[in-house]
N, C-alpha and C. Protein backbone atom coordinates (compact mmCIF):
# COMPACT_ATOMS: atom_id res chain seq x y z
N MET A 1 11.46 9.84 28.32
CA MET A 1 12.57 8.92 28.21
C MET A 1 12.11 7.67 27.47
N LEU A 2 13.02 7.11 26.72
CA LEU A 2 12.74 5.93 25.92
C LEU A 2 13.81 4.89 26.19
N THR A 3 13.37 3.67 26.37
CA THR A 3 14.31 2.57 26.54
C THR A 3 14.13 1.65 25.34
N LEU A 4 15.26 1.18 24.83
CA LEU A 4 15.17 0.32 23.67
C LEU A 4 16.23 -0.75 23.74
N ARG A 5 15.87 -1.92 23.23
CA ARG A 5 16.79 -3.05 23.24
C ARG A 5 17.31 -3.29 21.83
N LEU A 6 18.60 -3.49 21.75
CA LEU A 6 19.24 -3.73 20.47
C LEU A 6 20.00 -5.05 20.52
N ASP A 7 20.11 -5.68 19.35
CA ASP A 7 20.93 -6.88 19.33
C ASP A 7 22.40 -6.45 19.46
N PRO A 8 23.27 -7.32 19.92
CA PRO A 8 24.67 -6.96 20.16
C PRO A 8 25.38 -6.38 18.93
N GLN A 9 25.10 -6.92 17.75
CA GLN A 9 25.75 -6.43 16.53
C GLN A 9 25.37 -4.99 16.25
N MET A 10 24.07 -4.65 16.37
CA MET A 10 23.64 -3.29 16.12
C MET A 10 24.23 -2.33 17.15
N GLU A 11 24.25 -2.76 18.40
CA GLU A 11 24.83 -1.91 19.44
C GLU A 11 26.31 -1.65 19.17
N GLN A 12 27.01 -2.66 18.72
CA GLN A 12 28.44 -2.48 18.39
C GLN A 12 28.60 -1.52 17.22
N ASN A 13 27.73 -1.63 16.19
CA ASN A 13 27.78 -0.70 15.07
C ASN A 13 27.54 0.73 15.51
N ILE A 14 26.58 0.91 16.42
CA ILE A 14 26.29 2.25 16.93
C ILE A 14 27.48 2.77 17.73
N THR A 15 28.06 1.95 18.55
CA THR A 15 29.23 2.36 19.34
C THR A 15 30.38 2.78 18.44
N ASN A 16 30.67 1.96 17.43
CA ASN A 16 31.78 2.27 16.51
C ASN A 16 31.52 3.56 15.72
N THR A 17 30.31 3.71 15.23
CA THR A 17 29.97 4.89 14.45
C THR A 17 30.01 6.15 15.31
N ALA A 18 29.49 6.07 16.51
CA ALA A 18 29.51 7.22 17.42
C ALA A 18 30.95 7.64 17.71
N LYS A 19 31.84 6.68 17.94
CA LYS A 19 33.25 7.00 18.20
C LYS A 19 33.88 7.68 16.99
N LYS A 20 33.60 7.15 15.79
CA LYS A 20 34.17 7.75 14.58
C LYS A 20 33.72 9.19 14.39
N LEU A 21 32.46 9.47 14.76
CA LEU A 21 31.91 10.82 14.58
C LEU A 21 32.13 11.73 15.78
N GLY A 22 32.69 11.18 16.84
CA GLY A 22 32.94 11.99 18.03
C GLY A 22 31.65 12.36 18.76
N LEU A 23 30.68 11.46 18.73
CA LEU A 23 29.39 11.70 19.38
C LEU A 23 29.15 10.64 20.44
N THR A 24 28.23 10.95 21.34
CA THR A 24 27.78 9.90 22.24
C THR A 24 26.80 9.02 21.48
N LYS A 25 26.59 7.83 21.99
CA LYS A 25 25.62 6.95 21.34
C LYS A 25 24.23 7.59 21.36
N SER A 26 23.88 8.22 22.45
CA SER A 26 22.57 8.87 22.55
C SER A 26 22.41 9.96 21.50
N GLU A 27 23.46 10.77 21.32
CA GLU A 27 23.38 11.86 20.34
C GLU A 27 23.28 11.31 18.92
N LEU A 28 24.03 10.26 18.62
CA LEU A 28 23.96 9.64 17.30
C LEU A 28 22.55 9.12 17.04
N ILE A 29 21.97 8.45 18.01
CA ILE A 29 20.62 7.89 17.85
C ILE A 29 19.59 9.02 17.71
N ARG A 30 19.70 10.08 18.52
CA ARG A 30 18.78 11.23 18.41
C ARG A 30 18.84 11.83 17.01
N ARG A 31 20.05 12.08 16.53
CA ARG A 31 20.21 12.67 15.19
C ARG A 31 19.66 11.75 14.11
N SER A 32 19.91 10.48 14.25
CA SER A 32 19.43 9.51 13.26
C SER A 32 17.91 9.49 13.21
N ILE A 33 17.28 9.49 14.37
CA ILE A 33 15.82 9.49 14.42
C ILE A 33 15.26 10.79 13.84
N GLN A 34 15.87 11.92 14.18
CA GLN A 34 15.41 13.20 13.64
C GLN A 34 15.49 13.21 12.11
N GLU A 35 16.60 12.74 11.58
CA GLU A 35 16.79 12.72 10.13
C GLU A 35 15.79 11.78 9.47
N TYR A 36 15.56 10.65 10.06
CA TYR A 36 14.60 9.70 9.52
C TYR A 36 13.19 10.29 9.52
N LEU A 37 12.81 10.93 10.61
CA LEU A 37 11.47 11.52 10.69
C LEU A 37 11.30 12.65 9.67
N LYS A 38 12.33 13.43 9.44
CA LYS A 38 12.27 14.47 8.41
C LYS A 38 12.06 13.83 7.04
N LYS A 39 12.80 12.79 6.78
CA LYS A 39 12.74 12.13 5.47
C LYS A 39 11.36 11.56 5.19
N ILE A 40 10.77 10.86 6.13
CA ILE A 40 9.48 10.24 5.86
C ILE A 40 8.34 11.25 5.86
N SER A 41 8.50 12.37 6.54
CA SER A 41 7.43 13.37 6.55
C SER A 41 7.42 14.19 5.28
N ARG A 42 8.51 14.20 4.52
CA ARG A 42 8.60 14.98 3.29
C ARG A 42 8.10 14.23 2.07
N GLN A 43 7.87 12.96 2.16
CA GLN A 43 7.49 12.20 0.99
C GLN A 43 6.06 12.54 0.56
N THR A 44 5.93 12.88 -0.70
CA THR A 44 4.62 13.16 -1.28
C THR A 44 4.15 11.91 -2.01
N PRO A 45 2.89 11.89 -2.39
CA PRO A 45 2.44 10.75 -3.19
C PRO A 45 3.29 10.56 -4.45
N TRP A 46 3.71 11.66 -5.05
CA TRP A 46 4.56 11.56 -6.24
C TRP A 46 5.87 10.86 -5.90
N ASP A 47 6.49 11.25 -4.78
CA ASP A 47 7.75 10.62 -4.36
C ASP A 47 7.57 9.11 -4.19
N LEU A 48 6.47 8.73 -3.57
CA LEU A 48 6.25 7.32 -3.28
C LEU A 48 6.03 6.47 -4.53
N GLY A 49 5.43 7.05 -5.57
CA GLY A 49 5.14 6.26 -6.76
C GLY A 49 5.91 6.67 -7.99
N SER A 50 6.87 7.57 -7.84
CA SER A 50 7.57 8.11 -9.01
C SER A 50 8.25 7.05 -9.86
N ASP A 51 8.69 5.96 -9.24
CA ASP A 51 9.34 4.91 -10.04
C ASP A 51 8.34 4.09 -10.84
N LEU A 52 7.04 4.26 -10.57
CA LEU A 52 6.02 3.52 -11.29
C LEU A 52 5.32 4.34 -12.36
N PHE A 53 5.25 5.66 -12.18
CA PHE A 53 4.51 6.50 -13.11
C PHE A 53 5.15 6.49 -14.49
N GLY A 54 4.35 6.19 -15.49
CA GLY A 54 4.83 6.17 -16.86
C GLY A 54 5.63 4.94 -17.22
N LYS A 55 5.76 4.03 -16.30
CA LYS A 55 6.57 2.83 -16.54
C LYS A 55 6.04 2.01 -17.71
N TYR A 56 4.73 1.97 -17.83
CA TYR A 56 4.11 1.19 -18.90
C TYR A 56 3.38 2.11 -19.87
N SER A 57 3.92 3.26 -20.06
CA SER A 57 3.27 4.27 -20.88
C SER A 57 3.15 3.82 -22.34
N SER A 58 1.98 4.08 -22.91
CA SER A 58 1.75 3.73 -24.30
C SER A 58 2.08 4.89 -25.22
N GLY A 59 2.19 6.08 -24.63
CA GLY A 59 2.43 7.26 -25.44
C GLY A 59 1.15 7.86 -26.00
N ARG A 60 0.02 7.25 -25.68
CA ARG A 60 -1.27 7.74 -26.17
C ARG A 60 -1.92 8.61 -25.10
N SER A 61 -2.47 9.73 -25.53
CA SER A 61 -3.11 10.64 -24.58
C SER A 61 -4.63 10.47 -24.55
N ASP A 62 -5.17 9.56 -25.37
CA ASP A 62 -6.62 9.41 -25.46
C ASP A 62 -7.14 8.11 -24.83
N LEU A 63 -6.34 7.43 -24.06
CA LEU A 63 -6.74 6.13 -23.54
C LEU A 63 -7.94 6.21 -22.60
N SER A 64 -8.03 7.24 -21.80
CA SER A 64 -9.15 7.31 -20.85
C SER A 64 -10.47 7.57 -21.57
N VAL A 65 -10.43 8.20 -22.72
CA VAL A 65 -11.64 8.54 -23.46
C VAL A 65 -12.03 7.44 -24.44
N ARG A 66 -11.04 6.83 -25.08
CA ARG A 66 -11.31 5.87 -26.16
C ARG A 66 -10.93 4.44 -25.80
N ARG A 67 -10.87 4.11 -24.54
CA ARG A 67 -10.37 2.81 -24.11
C ARG A 67 -11.17 1.65 -24.70
N LYS A 68 -12.52 1.76 -24.70
CA LYS A 68 -13.33 0.65 -25.22
C LYS A 68 -13.10 0.46 -26.71
N GLU A 69 -13.07 1.54 -27.44
CA GLU A 69 -12.84 1.48 -28.89
C GLU A 69 -11.47 0.87 -29.20
N ILE A 70 -10.48 1.27 -28.45
CA ILE A 70 -9.12 0.77 -28.67
C ILE A 70 -9.04 -0.72 -28.37
N ILE A 71 -9.67 -1.15 -27.28
CA ILE A 71 -9.64 -2.57 -26.92
C ILE A 71 -10.36 -3.41 -27.98
N LYS A 72 -11.52 -2.93 -28.43
CA LYS A 72 -12.25 -3.65 -29.48
C LYS A 72 -11.39 -3.79 -30.74
N GLY A 73 -10.70 -2.74 -31.11
CA GLY A 73 -9.82 -2.78 -32.28
C GLY A 73 -8.71 -3.79 -32.12
N LYS A 74 -8.13 -3.87 -30.92
CA LYS A 74 -7.06 -4.84 -30.68
C LYS A 74 -7.59 -6.27 -30.76
N ILE A 75 -8.78 -6.49 -30.22
CA ILE A 75 -9.37 -7.84 -30.27
C ILE A 75 -9.67 -8.23 -31.71
N LYS A 76 -10.25 -7.31 -32.48
CA LYS A 76 -10.54 -7.59 -33.89
C LYS A 76 -9.24 -7.89 -34.65
N GLY A 77 -8.21 -7.13 -34.39
CA GLY A 77 -6.92 -7.36 -35.04
C GLY A 77 -6.34 -8.72 -34.69
N LYS A 78 -6.48 -9.10 -33.43
CA LYS A 78 -5.96 -10.39 -32.98
C LYS A 78 -6.73 -11.52 -33.65
N ARG A 79 -8.04 -11.38 -33.73
CA ARG A 79 -8.86 -12.42 -34.37
C ARG A 79 -8.54 -12.53 -35.85
N ALA A 80 -8.32 -11.39 -36.50
CA ALA A 80 -7.97 -11.41 -37.92
C ALA A 80 -6.64 -12.13 -38.13
N ASN A 81 -5.68 -11.92 -37.25
CA ASN A 81 -4.38 -12.60 -37.34
C ASN A 81 -4.53 -14.09 -37.12
N GLU A 82 -5.41 -14.48 -36.19
CA GLU A 82 -5.63 -15.90 -35.93
C GLU A 82 -6.24 -16.59 -37.14
N LYS A 83 -7.15 -15.91 -37.85
CA LYS A 83 -7.76 -16.49 -39.05
C LYS A 83 -6.74 -16.66 -40.15
N ASP A 84 -5.81 -15.70 -40.25
CA ASP A 84 -4.76 -15.79 -41.28
C ASP A 84 -3.84 -16.97 -41.03
N ILE A 85 -3.61 -17.29 -39.79
CA ILE A 85 -2.69 -18.38 -39.43
C ILE A 85 -3.32 -19.73 -39.74
N HIS A 86 -4.63 -19.87 -39.53
CA HIS A 86 -5.31 -21.17 -39.72
C HIS A 86 -5.71 -21.31 -41.12
């Protein structure tokens, strides 16, 4: 058995929702908890980070191998542009 305290507004929302669905408050809460537990147990690492993967993609497939060379090239390019400006 579990006892839980709710603020009056949440309890009223549960009461109203249970009446609309034709359920007892206990049944509504049981179903809600079951659904929530199913949802969080199904999340994979991909699900958790899917909105971040590829967000800043450069479109280059060689970054892990040539990262130092690429960075050096960018720095040289930036310095060359700075010399042109001055």
